[in-house]
């Protein structure tokens, strides 16, 4: 996993050598404490096939991050079917769209939505 911190955004990028599933999620949860005060982009786009079960592993962390830290948590998957998306997590196809999503949510928070 590659962790890149720029301004108020932390980008966590999946690497082919990373195991996927609960062990990957748990590793991110442990490291989450170090950047819980920033917006998070989880980039899974290097994975060949992102499945809904891979996304479901992060729903609880995404909801926690949004509710208790008042920050965004966005997952980048590349192309994925809409019927495969779980509720409670923001999923976009590219890093640029993830950054746009964070900017929109920052504006909403500033306006009190």
PDB file of N, CA and C in Angstrom:
ATOM      1  N   UNK A   1       0.847  -1.168   0.000  1.00  0.00           N
ATOM      2  CA  UNK A   1       0.000   0.000   0.000  1.00  0.00           C
ATOM      3  C   UNK A   1       0.891   1.229   0.000  1.00  0.00           C
ATOM      4  N   UNK A   2       0.468   2.197  -0.771  1.00  0.00           N
ATOM      5  CA  UNK A   2       1.185   3.468  -0.846  1.00  0.00           C
ATOM      6  C   UNK A   2       0.307   4.519  -0.181  1.00  0.00           C
ATOM      7  N   UNK A   3       0.886   5.288   0.741  1.00  0.00           N
ATOM      8  CA  UNK A   3       0.155   6.360   1.418  1.00  0.00           C
ATOM      9  C   UNK A   3       0.792   7.683   1.028  1.00  0.00           C
ATOM     10  N   UNK A   4      -0.015   8.564   0.443  1.00  0.00           N
ATOM     11  CA  UNK A   4       0.447   9.867  -0.015  1.00  0.00           C
ATOM     12  C   UNK A   4      -0.394  10.938   0.665  1.00  0.00           C
ATOM     13  N   UNK A   5       0.259  11.865   1.355  1.00  0.00           N
ATOM     14  CA  UNK A   5      -0.456  12.929   2.069  1.00  0.00           C
ATOM     15  C   UNK A   5      -0.139  14.262   1.398  1.00  0.00           C
ATOM     16  N   UNK A   6      -1.212  14.922   0.927  1.00  0.00           N
ATOM     17  CA  UNK A   6      -1.090  16.248   0.318  1.00  0.00           C
ATOM     18  C   UNK A   6      -2.186  17.121   0.887  1.00  0.00           C
ATOM     19  N   UNK A   7      -1.780  18.216   1.508  1.00  0.00           N
ATOM     20  CA  UNK A   7      -2.718  19.161   2.115  1.00  0.00           C
ATOM     21  C   UNK A   7      -3.666  18.433   3.061  1.00  0.00           C
ATOM     22  N   UNK A   8      -4.952  18.466   2.758  1.00  0.00           N
ATOM     23  CA  UNK A   8      -5.946  17.855   3.654  1.00  0.00           C
ATOM     24  C   UNK A   8      -6.462  16.516   3.128  1.00  0.00           C
ATOM     25  N   UNK A   9      -5.723  15.906   2.189  1.00  0.00           N
ATOM     26  CA  UNK A   9      -6.164  14.639   1.592  1.00  0.00           C
ATOM     27  C   UNK A   9      -5.073  13.577   1.729  1.00  0.00           C
ATOM     28  N   UNK A  10      -5.477  12.407   2.193  1.00  0.00           N
ATOM     29  CA  UNK A  10      -4.595  11.244   2.245  1.00  0.00           C
ATOM     30  C   UNK A  10      -5.082  10.278   1.174  1.00  0.00           C
ATOM     31  N   UNK A  11      -4.179   9.874   0.283  1.00  0.00           N
ATOM     32  CA  UNK A  11      -4.523   8.892  -0.738  1.00  0.00           C
ATOM     33  C   UNK A  11      -3.819   7.584  -0.385  1.00  0.00           C
ATOM     34  N   UNK A  12      -4.620   6.545  -0.225  1.00  0.00           N
ATOM     35  CA  UNK A  12      -4.105   5.207   0.059  1.00  0.00           C
ATOM     36  C   UNK A  12      -4.325   4.391  -1.205  1.00  0.00           C
ATOM     37  N   UNK A  13      -3.232   3.938  -1.801  1.00  0.00           N
ATOM     38  CA  UNK A  13      -3.320   3.216  -3.071  1.00  0.00           C
ATOM     39  C   UNK A  13      -2.985   1.749  -2.873  1.00  0.00           C
ATOM     40  N   UNK A  14      -3.870   0.903  -3.361  1.00  0.00           N
ATOM     41  CA  UNK A  14      -3.676  -0.542  -3.340  1.00  0.00           C
ATOM     42  C   UNK A  14      -2.548  -0.913  -4.289  1.00  0.00           C
ATOM     43  N   UNK A  15      -1.670  -1.820  -3.839  1.00  0.00           N
ATOM     44  CA  UNK A  15      -0.618  -2.362  -4.699  1.00  0.00           C
ATOM     45  C   UNK A  15      -0.897  -3.840  -4.929  1.00  0.00           C
ATOM     46  N   UNK A  16      -0.445  -4.350  -6.041  1.00  0.00           N
ATOM     47  CA  UNK A  16      -0.697  -5.757  -6.371  1.00  0.00           C
ATOM     48  C   UNK A  16      -0.158  -6.703  -5.305  1.00  0.00           C
ATOM     49  N   UNK A  17       0.854  -6.296  -4.574  1.00  0.00           N
ATOM     50  CA  UNK A  17       1.421  -7.155  -3.533  1.00  0.00           C
ATOM     51  C   UNK A  17       0.580  -7.158  -2.245  1.00  0.00           C
ATOM     52  N   UNK A  18      -0.383  -6.239  -2.134  1.00  0.00           N
ATOM     53  CA  UNK A  18      -1.253  -6.181  -0.951  1.00  0.00           C
ATOM     54  C   UNK A  18      -2.266  -7.313  -0.996  1.00  0.00           C
ATOM     55  N   UNK A  19      -2.548  -7.871   0.174  1.00  0.00           N
ATOM     56  CA  UNK A  19      -3.653  -8.833   0.238  1.00  0.00           C
ATOM     57  C   UNK A  19      -4.937  -8.022   0.288  1.00  0.00           C
ATOM     58  N   UNK A  20      -5.987  -8.526  -0.295  1.00  0.00           N
ATOM     59  CA  UNK A  20      -7.261  -7.819  -0.294  1.00  0.00           C
ATOM     60  C   UNK A  20      -8.192  -8.535   0.667  1.00  0.00           C
ATOM     61  N   UNK A  21      -9.156  -7.809   1.193  1.00  0.00           N
ATOM     62  CA  UNK A  21     -10.095  -8.402   2.138  1.00  0.00           C
ATOM     63  C   UNK A  21      -9.891  -7.832   3.527  1.00  0.00           C
ATOM     64  N   UNK A  22     -10.350  -8.555   4.536  1.00  0.00           N
ATOM     65  CA  UNK A  22     -10.287  -8.052   5.915  1.00  0.00           C
ATOM     66  C   UNK A  22      -8.875  -7.668   6.382  1.00  0.00           C
ATOM     67  N   UNK A  23      -7.850  -8.380   5.942  1.00  0.00           N
ATOM     68  CA  UNK A  23      -6.491  -8.040   6.390  1.00  0.00           C
ATOM     69  C   UNK A  23      -6.054  -6.679   5.851  1.00  0.00           C
ATOM     70  N   UNK A  24      -6.410  -6.359   4.611  1.00  0.00           N
ATOM     71  CA  UNK A  24      -6.096  -5.052   4.023  1.00  0.00           C
ATOM     72  C   UNK A  24      -6.870  -3.958   4.749  1.00  0.00           C
ATOM     73  N   UNK A  25      -8.158  -4.210   4.993  1.00  0.00           N
ATOM     74  CA  UNK A  25      -8.984  -3.257   5.727  1.00  0.00           C
ATOM     75  C   UNK A  25      -8.423  -3.019   7.130  1.00  0.00           C
ATOM     76  N   UNK A  26      -8.045  -4.078   7.816  1.00  0.00           N
ATOM     77  CA  UNK A  26      -7.529  -3.941   9.182  1.00  0.00           C
ATOM     78  C   UNK A  26      -6.221  -3.159   9.205  1.00  0.00           C
ATOM     79  N   UNK A  27      -5.386  -3.349   8.205  1.00  0.00           N
ATOM     80  CA  UNK A  27      -4.138  -2.587   8.117  1.00  0.00           C
ATOM     81  C   UNK A  27      -4.439  -1.088   7.944  1.00  0.00           C
ATOM     82  N   UNK A  28      -5.440  -0.781   7.150  1.00  0.00           N
ATOM     83  CA  UNK A  28      -5.837   0.623   6.970  1.00  0.00           C
ATOM     84  C   UNK A  28      -6.433   1.172   8.263  1.00  0.00           C
ATOM     85  N   UNK A  29      -7.247   0.383   8.959  1.00  0.00           N
ATOM     86  CA  UNK A  29      -7.823   0.831  10.235  1.00  0.00           C
ATOM     87  C   UNK A  29      -6.734   1.189  11.239  1.00  0.00           C
ATOM     88  N   UNK A  30      -5.689   0.388  11.299  1.00  0.00           N
ATOM     89  CA  UNK A  30      -4.583   0.661  12.225  1.00  0.00           C
ATOM     90  C   UNK A  30      -3.906   1.974  11.865  1.00  0.00           C
ATOM     91  N   UNK A  31      -3.659   2.200  10.589  1.00  0.00           N
ATOM     92  CA  UNK A  31      -2.988   3.419  10.131  1.00  0.00           C
ATOM     93  C   UNK A  31      -3.924   4.621  10.145  1.00  0.00           C
ATOM     94  N   UNK A  32      -5.228   4.385  10.171  1.00  0.00           N
ATOM     95  CA  UNK A  32      -6.239   5.448  10.139  1.00  0.00           C
ATOM     96  C   UNK A  32      -6.034   6.460  11.257  1.00  0.00           C
ATOM     97  N   UNK A  33      -5.584   6.016  12.394  1.00  0.00           N
ATOM     98  CA  UNK A  33      -5.383   6.907  13.547  1.00  0.00           C
ATOM     99  C   UNK A  33      -4.404   8.033  13.229  1.00  0.00           C
ATOM    100  N   UNK A  34      -3.466   7.781  12.325  1.00  0.00           N
ATOM    101  CA  UNK A  34      -2.451   8.777  11.989  1.00  0.00           C
ATOM    102  C   UNK A  34      -2.975   9.882  11.076  1.00  0.00           C
ATOM    103  N   UNK A  35      -4.075   9.636  10.382  1.00  0.00           N
ATOM    104  CA  UNK A  35      -4.593  10.651   9.457  1.00  0.00           C
ATOM    105  C   UNK A  35      -6.113  10.758   9.526  1.00  0.00           C
ATOM    106  N   UNK A  36      -6.676  10.509  10.683  1.00  0.00           N
ATOM    107  CA  UNK A  36      -8.133  10.559  10.835  1.00  0.00           C
ATOM    108  C   UNK A  36      -8.694  11.972  10.693  1.00  0.00           C
ATOM    109  N   UNK A  37      -7.848  12.984  10.796  1.00  0.00           N
ATOM    110  CA  UNK A  37      -8.285  14.375  10.694  1.00  0.00           C
ATOM    111  C   UNK A  37      -8.221  14.900   9.259  1.00  0.00           C
ATOM    112  N   UNK A  38      -7.957  14.026   8.294  1.00  0.00           N
ATOM    113  CA  UNK A  38      -7.880  14.421   6.889  1.00  0.00           C
ATOM    114  C   UNK A  38      -8.926  13.668   6.063  1.00  0.00           C
ATOM    115  N   UNK A  39      -9.221  14.175   4.889  1.00  0.00           N
ATOM    116  CA  UNK A  39     -10.074  13.463   3.935  1.00  0.00           C
ATOM    117  C   UNK A  39      -9.274  12.287   3.378  1.00  0.00           C
ATOM    118  N   UNK A  40      -9.972  11.185   3.102  1.00  0.00           N
ATOM    119  CA  UNK A  40      -9.292   9.980   2.652  1.00  0.00           C
ATOM    120  C   UNK A  40      -9.810   9.544   1.282  1.00  0.00           C
ATOM    121  N   UNK A  41      -8.857   9.249   0.388  1.00  0.00           N
ATOM    122  CA  UNK A  41      -9.161   8.608  -0.887  1.00  0.00           C
ATOM    123  C   UNK A  41      -8.519   7.226  -0.835  1.00  0.00           C
ATOM    124  N   UNK A  42      -9.329   6.207  -0.990  1.00  0.00           N
ATOM    125  CA  UNK A  42      -8.830   4.842  -1.064  1.00  0.00           C
ATOM    126  C   UNK A  42      -8.861   4.432  -2.527  1.00  0.00           C
ATOM    127  N   UNK A  43      -7.684   4.316  -3.124  1.00  0.00           N
ATOM    128  CA  UNK A  43      -7.582   4.029  -4.551  1.00  0.00           C
ATOM    129  C   UNK A  43      -7.414   2.531  -4.767  1.00  0.00           C
ATOM    130  N   UNK A  44      -8.499   1.878  -5.164  1.00  0.00           N
ATOM    131  CA  UNK A  44      -8.472   0.455  -5.485  1.00  0.00           C
ATOM    132  C   UNK A  44      -8.385   0.221  -6.987  1.00  0.00           C
ATOM    133  N   UNK A  45      -8.234   1.284  -7.764  1.00  0.00           N
ATOM    134  CA  UNK A  45      -8.234   1.139  -9.224  1.00  0.00           C
ATOM    135  C   UNK A  45      -7.117   0.236  -9.759  1.00  0.00           C
ATOM    136  N   UNK A  46      -5.966   0.077  -9.070  1.00  0.00           N
ATOM    137  CA  UNK A  46      -4.975  -0.881  -9.581  1.00  0.00           C
ATOM    138  C   UNK A  46      -5.429  -2.347  -9.513  1.00  0.00           C
ATOM    139  N   UNK A  47      -6.492  -2.634  -8.763  1.00  0.00           N
ATOM    140  CA  UNK A  47      -7.016  -4.005  -8.716  1.00  0.00           C
ATOM    141  C   UNK A  47      -7.640  -4.343 -10.057  1.00  0.00           C
ATOM    142  N   UNK A  48      -7.435  -5.551 -10.510  1.00  0.00           N
ATOM    143  CA  UNK A  48      -8.000  -5.951 -11.803  1.00  0.00           C
ATOM    144  C   UNK A  48      -9.515  -6.027 -11.756  1.00  0.00           C
ATOM    145  N   UNK A  49     -10.084  -6.615 -10.727  1.00  0.00           N
ATOM    146  CA  UNK A  49     -11.535  -6.754 -10.604  1.00  0.00           C
ATOM    147  C   UNK A  49     -11.972  -6.351  -9.204  1.00  0.00           C
ATOM    148  N   UNK A  50     -12.538  -5.165  -9.085  1.00  0.00           N
ATOM    149  CA  UNK A  50     -13.066  -4.723  -7.797  1.00  0.00           C
ATOM    150  C   UNK A  50     -14.486  -5.261  -7.676  1.00  0.00           C
ATOM    151  N   UNK A  51     -14.732  -6.009  -6.631  1.00  0.00           N
ATOM    152  CA  UNK A  51     -16.049  -6.593  -6.389  1.00  0.00           C
ATOM    153  C   UNK A  51     -16.740  -5.856  -5.262  1.00  0.00           C
ATOM    154  N   UNK A  52     -18.061  -6.007  -5.177  1.00  0.00           N
ATOM    155  CA  UNK A  52     -18.805  -5.334  -4.113  1.00  0.00           C
ATOM    156  C   UNK A  52     -18.336  -5.791  -2.739  1.00  0.00           C
ATOM    157  N   UNK A  53     -17.896  -7.047  -2.605  1.00  0.00           N
ATOM    158  CA  UNK A  53     -17.426  -7.519  -1.303  1.00  0.00           C
ATOM    159  C   UNK A  53     -16.163  -6.777  -0.871  1.00  0.00           C
ATOM    160  N   UNK A  54     -15.343  -6.339  -1.829  1.00  0.00           N
ATOM    161  CA  UNK A  54     -14.162  -5.554  -1.488  1.00  0.00           C
ATOM    162  C   UNK A  54     -14.577  -4.190  -0.945  1.00  0.00           C
ATOM    163  N   UNK A  55     -15.628  -3.620  -1.513  1.00  0.00           N
ATOM    164  CA  UNK A  55     -16.112  -2.315  -1.061  1.00  0.00           C
ATOM    165  C   UNK A  55     -16.804  -2.423   0.284  1.00  0.00           C
ATOM    166  N   UNK A  56     -17.550  -3.493   0.491  1.00  0.00           N
ATOM    167  CA  UNK A  56     -18.275  -3.683   1.756  1.00  0.00           C
ATOM    168  C   UNK A  56     -17.328  -3.726   2.946  1.00  0.00           C
ATOM    169  N   UNK A  57     -16.099  -4.171   2.721  1.00  0.00           N
ATOM    170  CA  UNK A  57     -15.109  -4.202   3.801  1.00  0.00           C
ATOM    171  C   UNK A  57     -14.834  -2.818   4.371  1.00  0.00           C
ATOM    172  N   UNK A  58     -15.097  -1.768   3.587  1.00  0.00           N
ATOM    173  CA  UNK A  58     -14.750  -0.409   4.004  1.00  0.00           C
ATOM    174  C   UNK A  58     -15.948   0.450   4.394  1.00  0.00           C
ATOM    175  N   UNK A  59     -17.161  -0.069   4.299  1.00  0.00           N
ATOM    176  CA  UNK A  59     -18.355   0.719   4.612  1.00  0.00           C
ATOM    177  C   UNK A  59     -18.324   1.220   6.055  1.00  0.00           C
ATOM    178  N   UNK A  60     -18.040   0.335   6.987  1.00  0.00           N
ATOM    179  CA  UNK A  60     -18.031   0.713   8.406  1.00  0.00           C
ATOM    180  C   UNK A  60     -17.001   1.815   8.672  1.00  0.00           C
ATOM    181  N   UNK A  61     -15.802   1.677   8.125  1.00  0.00           N
ATOM    182  CA  UNK A  61     -14.765   2.692   8.312  1.00  0.00           C
ATOM    183  C   UNK A  61     -15.162   4.013   7.658  1.00  0.00           C
ATOM    184  N   UNK A  62     -15.762   3.960   6.482  1.00  0.00           N
ATOM    185  CA  UNK A  62     -16.188   5.179   5.788  1.00  0.00           C
ATOM    186  C   UNK A  62     -17.244   5.932   6.596  1.00  0.00           C
ATOM    187  N   UNK A  63     -18.223   5.202   7.115  1.00  0.00           N
ATOM    188  CA  UNK A  63     -19.283   5.831   7.912  1.00  0.00           C
ATOM    189  C   UNK A  63     -18.695   6.431   9.183  1.00  0.00           C
ATOM    190  N   UNK A  64     -17.826   5.685   9.850  1.00  0.00           N
ATOM    191  CA  UNK A  64     -17.178   6.181  11.071  1.00  0.00           C
ATOM    192  C   UNK A  64     -16.392   7.458  10.764  1.00  0.00           C
ATOM    193  N   UNK A  65     -15.616   7.432   9.693  1.00  0.00           N
ATOM    194  CA  UNK A  65     -14.777   8.578   9.336  1.00  0.00           C
ATOM    195  C   UNK A  65     -15.621   9.822   9.057  1.00  0.00           C
ATOM    196  N   UNK A  66     -16.725   9.640   8.385  1.00  0.00           N
ATOM    197  CA  UNK A  66     -17.602  10.774   8.069  1.00  0.00           C
ATOM    198  C   UNK A  66     -18.309  11.306   9.310  1.00  0.00           C
ATOM    199  N   UNK A  67     -18.839  10.421  10.142  1.00  0.00           N
ATOM    200  CA  UNK A  67     -19.636  10.843  11.291  1.00  0.00           C
ATOM    201  C   UNK A  67     -18.786  11.398  12.427  1.00  0.00           C
ATOM    202  N   UNK A  68     -17.678  10.745  12.760  1.00  0.00           N
ATOM    203  CA  UNK A  68     -16.916  11.132  13.938  1.00  0.00           C
ATOM    204  C   UNK A  68     -15.755  12.068  13.648  1.00  0.00           C
ATOM    205  N   UNK A  69     -15.264  12.077  12.431  1.00  0.00           N
ATOM    206  CA  UNK A  69     -14.163  12.968  12.076  1.00  0.00           C
ATOM    207  C   UNK A  69     -14.623  14.114  11.180  1.00  0.00           C
ATOM    208  N   UNK A  70     -15.870  14.033  10.706  1.00  0.00           N
ATOM    209  CA  UNK A  70     -16.448  15.053   9.841  1.00  0.00           C
ATOM    210  C   UNK A  70     -15.580  15.309   8.606  1.00  0.00           C
ATOM    211  N   UNK A  71     -15.087  14.220   8.031  1.00  0.00           N
ATOM    212  CA  UNK A  71     -14.256  14.290   6.833  1.00  0.00           C
ATOM    213  C   UNK A  71     -14.772  13.291   5.806  1.00  0.00           C
ATOM    214  N   UNK A  72     -14.330  13.438   4.575  1.00  0.00           N
ATOM    215  CA  UNK A  72     -14.772  12.574   3.481  1.00  0.00           C
ATOM    216  C   UNK A  72     -13.939  11.298   3.392  1.00  0.00           C
ATOM    217  N   UNK A  73     -14.593  10.241   2.913  1.00  0.00           N
ATOM    218  CA  UNK A  73     -13.940   8.968   2.628  1.00  0.00           C
ATOM    219  C   UNK A  73     -14.482   8.526   1.278  1.00  0.00           C
ATOM    220  N   UNK A  74     -13.606   8.491   0.264  1.00  0.00           N
ATOM    221  CA  UNK A  74     -14.028   8.193  -1.103  1.00  0.00           C
ATOM    222  C   UNK A  74     -13.180   7.038  -1.628  1.00  0.00           C
ATOM    223  N   UNK A  75     -13.823   6.087  -2.293  1.00  0.00           N
ATOM    224  CA  UNK A  75     -13.124   4.945  -2.877  1.00  0.00           C
ATOM    225  C   UNK A  75     -13.101   5.095  -4.391  1.00  0.00           C
ATOM    226  N   UNK A  76     -11.912   4.928  -4.981  1.00  0.00           N
ATOM    227  CA  UNK A  76     -11.741   4.951  -6.430  1.00  0.00           C
ATOM    228  C   UNK A  76     -11.623   3.504  -6.897  1.00  0.00           C
ATOM    229  N   UNK A  77     -12.473   3.110  -7.833  1.00  0.00           N
ATOM    230  CA  UNK A  77     -12.485   1.722  -8.276  1.00  0.00           C
ATOM    231  C   UNK A  77     -12.160   1.528  -9.741  1.00  0.00           C
ATOM    232  N   UNK A  78     -12.172   2.574 -10.515  1.00  0.00           N
ATOM    233  CA  UNK A  78     -12.154   2.387 -11.957  1.00  0.00           C
ATOM    234  C   UNK A  78     -13.587   2.047 -12.357  1.00  0.00           C
ATOM    235  N   UNK A  79     -13.810   1.515 -13.541  1.00  0.00           N
ATOM    236  CA  UNK A  79     -15.179   1.184 -13.965  1.00  0.00           C
ATOM    237  C   UNK A  79     -15.776   0.069 -13.105  1.00  0.00           C
ATOM    238  N   UNK A  80     -17.006   0.278 -12.662  1.00  0.00           N
ATOM    239  CA  UNK A  80     -17.721  -0.728 -11.873  1.00  0.00           C
ATOM    240  C   UNK A  80     -19.214  -0.519 -12.094  1.00  0.00           C
ATOM    241  N   UNK A  81     -19.972  -1.577 -12.082  1.00  0.00           N
ATOM    242  CA  UNK A  81     -21.413  -1.482 -12.281  1.00  0.00           C
ATOM    243  C   UNK A  81     -22.119  -0.883 -11.076  1.00  0.00           C
ATOM    244  N   UNK A  82     -23.111  -0.050 -11.324  1.00  0.00           N
ATOM    245  CA  UNK A  82     -23.842   0.606 -10.245  1.00  0.00           C
ATOM    246  C   UNK A  82     -24.553  -0.374  -9.328  1.00  0.00           C
ATOM    247  N   UNK A  83     -24.974  -1.500  -9.851  1.00  0.00           N
ATOM    248  CA  UNK A  83     -25.704  -2.455  -9.023  1.00  0.00           C
ATOM    249  C   UNK A  83     -24.800  -3.115  -7.982  1.00  0.00           C
ATOM    250  N   UNK A  84     -23.495  -2.937  -8.124  1.00  0.00           N
ATOM    251  CA  UNK A  84     -22.546  -3.556  -7.217  1.00  0.00           C
ATOM    252  C   UNK A  84     -22.117  -2.653  -6.065  1.00  0.00           C
ATOM    253  N   UNK A  85     -22.643  -1.436  -6.003  1.00  0.00           N
ATOM    254  CA  UNK A  85     -22.193  -0.486  -5.002  1.00  0.00           C
ATOM    255  C   UNK A  85     -22.993  -0.616  -3.702  1.00  0.00           C
ATOM    256  N   UNK A  86     -22.291  -0.783  -2.575  1.00  0.00           N
ATOM    257  CA  UNK A  86     -22.996  -0.850  -1.292  1.00  0.00           C
ATOM    258  C   UNK A  86     -23.393   0.552  -0.826  1.00  0.00           C
ATOM    259  N   UNK A  87     -24.407   0.622   0.021  1.00  0.00           N
ATOM    260  CA  UNK A  87     -24.820   1.893   0.606  1.00  0.00           C
ATOM    261  C   UNK A  87     -23.816   2.322   1.668  1.00  0.00           C
ATOM    262  N   UNK A  88     -23.714   3.634   1.868  1.00  0.00           N
ATOM    263  CA  UNK A  88     -22.901   4.164   2.953  1.00  0.00           C
ATOM    264  C   UNK A  88     -21.475   4.505   2.582  1.00  0.00           C
ATOM    265  N   UNK A  89     -21.135   4.395   1.303  1.00  0.00           N
ATOM    266  CA  UNK A  89     -19.764   4.679   0.894  1.00  0.00           C
ATOM    267  C   UNK A  89     -19.785   5.381  -0.466  1.00  0.00           C
ATOM    268  N   UNK A  90     -18.919   6.391  -0.617  1.00  0.00           N
ATOM    269  CA  UNK A  90     -18.808   7.105  -1.894  1.00  0.00           C
ATOM    270  C   UNK A  90     -17.816   6.375  -2.783  1.00  0.00           C
ATOM    271  N   UNK A  91     -18.252   6.000  -3.981  1.00  0.00           N
ATOM    272  CA  UNK A  91     -17.405   5.289  -4.930  1.00  0.00           C
ATOM    273  C   UNK A  91     -17.412   6.064  -6.245  1.00  0.00           C
ATOM    274  N   UNK A  92     -16.200   6.325  -6.757  1.00  0.00           N
ATOM    275  CA  UNK A  92     -16.052   7.052  -8.015  1.00  0.00           C
ATOM    276  C   UNK A  92     -15.044   6.319  -8.906  1.00  0.00           C
ATOM    277  N   UNK A  93     -15.056   6.597 -10.221  1.00  0.00           N
ATOM    278  CA  UNK A  93     -14.164   5.867 -11.121  1.00  0.00           C
ATOM    279  C   UNK A  93     -12.752   6.440 -11.281  1.00  0.00           C
ATOM    280  N   UNK A  94     -12.479   7.657 -10.763  1.00  0.00           N
ATOM    281  CA  UNK A  94     -11.149   8.236 -10.969  1.00  0.00           C
ATOM    282  C   UNK A  94     -10.725   9.105  -9.780  1.00  0.00           C
ATOM    283  N   UNK A  95      -9.427   9.333  -9.681  1.00  0.00           N
ATOM    284  CA  UNK A  95      -8.876  10.193  -8.629  1.00  0.00           C
ATOM    285  C   UNK A  95      -9.420  11.613  -8.758  1.00  0.00           C
ATOM    286  N   UNK A  96      -9.513  12.131  -9.978  1.00  0.00           N
ATOM    287  CA  UNK A  96     -10.031  13.495 -10.175  1.00  0.00           C
ATOM    288  C   UNK A  96     -11.449  13.624  -9.640  1.00  0.00           C
ATOM    289  N   UNK A  97     -12.265  12.615  -9.885  1.00  0.00           N
ATOM    290  CA  UNK A  97     -13.636  12.654  -9.369  1.00  0.00           C
ATOM    291  C   UNK A  97     -13.655  12.519  -7.847  1.00  0.00           C
ATOM    292  N   UNK A  98     -12.723  11.801  -7.284  1.00  0.00           N
ATOM    293  CA  UNK A  98     -12.629  11.696  -5.823  1.00  0.00           C
ATOM    294  C   UNK A  98     -12.299  13.057  -5.220  1.00  0.00           C
ATOM    295  N   UNK A  99     -11.371  13.755  -5.838  1.00  0.00           N
ATOM    296  CA  UNK A  99     -11.014  15.098  -5.357  1.00  0.00           C
ATOM    297  C   UNK A  99     -12.208  16.036  -5.492  1.00  0.00           C
ATOM    298  N   UNK A 100     -12.926  15.950  -6.608  1.00  0.00           N
ATOM    299  CA  UNK A 100     -14.137  16.766  -6.786  1.00  0.00           C
ATOM    300  C   UNK A 100     -15.171  16.452  -5.701  1.00  0.00           C
ATOM    301  N   UNK A 101     -15.356  15.177  -5.393  1.00  0.00           N
ATOM    302  CA  UNK A 101     -16.314  14.763  -4.365  1.00  0.00           C
ATOM    303  C   UNK A 101     -15.928  15.354  -3.006  1.00  0.00           C
ATOM    304  N   UNK A 102     -14.651  15.318  -2.685  1.00  0.00           N
ATOM    305  CA  UNK A 102     -14.176  15.877  -1.417  1.00  0.00           C
ATOM    306  C   UNK A 102     -14.430  17.379  -1.377  1.00  0.00           C
ATOM    307  N   UNK A 103     -14.151  18.075  -2.469  1.00  0.00           N
ATOM    308  CA  UNK A 103     -14.385  19.519  -2.521  1.00  0.00           C
ATOM    309  C   UNK A 103     -15.863  19.843  -2.321  1.00  0.00           C
ATOM    310  N   UNK A 104     -16.730  19.071  -2.956  1.00  0.00           N
ATOM    311  CA  UNK A 104     -18.183  19.285  -2.806  1.00  0.00           C
ATOM    312  C   UNK A 104     -18.601  19.048  -1.358  1.00  0.00           C
ATOM    313  N   UNK A 105     -18.117  17.961  -0.761  1.00  0.00           N
ATOM    314  CA  UNK A 105     -18.486  17.670   0.627  1.00  0.00           C
ATOM    315  C   UNK A 105     -17.913  18.698   1.592  1.00  0.00           C
ATOM    316  N   UNK A 106     -16.699  19.233   1.317  1.00  0.00           N
ATOM    317  CA  UNK A 106     -16.141  20.309   2.143  1.00  0.00           C
ATOM    318  C   UNK A 106     -17.029  21.541   2.086  1.00  0.00           C
ATOM    319  N   UNK A 107     -17.508  21.895   0.898  1.00  0.00           N
ATOM    320  CA  UNK A 107     -18.404  23.045   0.741  1.00  0.00           C
ATOM    321  C   UNK A 107     -19.700  22.809   1.505  1.00  0.00           C
ATOM    322  N   UNK A 108     -20.264  21.609   1.379  1.00  0.00           N
ATOM    323  CA  UNK A 108     -21.498  21.275   2.107  1.00  0.00           C
ATOM    324  C   UNK A 108     -21.290  21.396   3.612  1.00  0.00           C
ATOM    325  N   UNK A 109     -20.158  20.915   4.122  1.00  0.00           N
ATOM    326  CA  UNK A 109     -19.878  21.015   5.559  1.00  0.00           C
ATOM    327  C   UNK A 109     -19.760  22.481   5.987  1.00  0.00           C
ATOM    328  N   UNK A 110     -19.072  23.288   5.144  1.00  0.00           N
ATOM    329  CA  UNK A 110     -18.940  24.718   5.443  1.00  0.00           C
ATOM    330  C   UNK A 110     -20.283  25.426   5.492  1.00  0.00           C
ATOM    331  N   UNK A 111     -21.208  24.971   4.639  1.00  0.00           N
ATOM    332  CA  UNK A 111     -22.547  25.583   4.593  1.00  0.00           C
ATOM    333  C   UNK A 111     -23.495  24.996   5.627  1.00  0.00           C
ATOM    334  N   UNK A 112     -23.069  23.954   6.325  1.00  0.00           N
ATOM    335  CA  UNK A 112     -23.884  23.377   7.382  1.00  0.00           C
ATOM    336  C   UNK A 112     -24.845  22.282   6.939  1.00  0.00           C
ATOM    337  N   UNK A 113     -24.643  21.699   5.766  1.00  0.00           N
ATOM    338  CA  UNK A 113     -25.510  20.626   5.296  1.00  0.00           C
ATOM    339  C   UNK A 113     -25.115  19.309   5.909  1.00  0.00           C
TER     340      UNK A 113
END
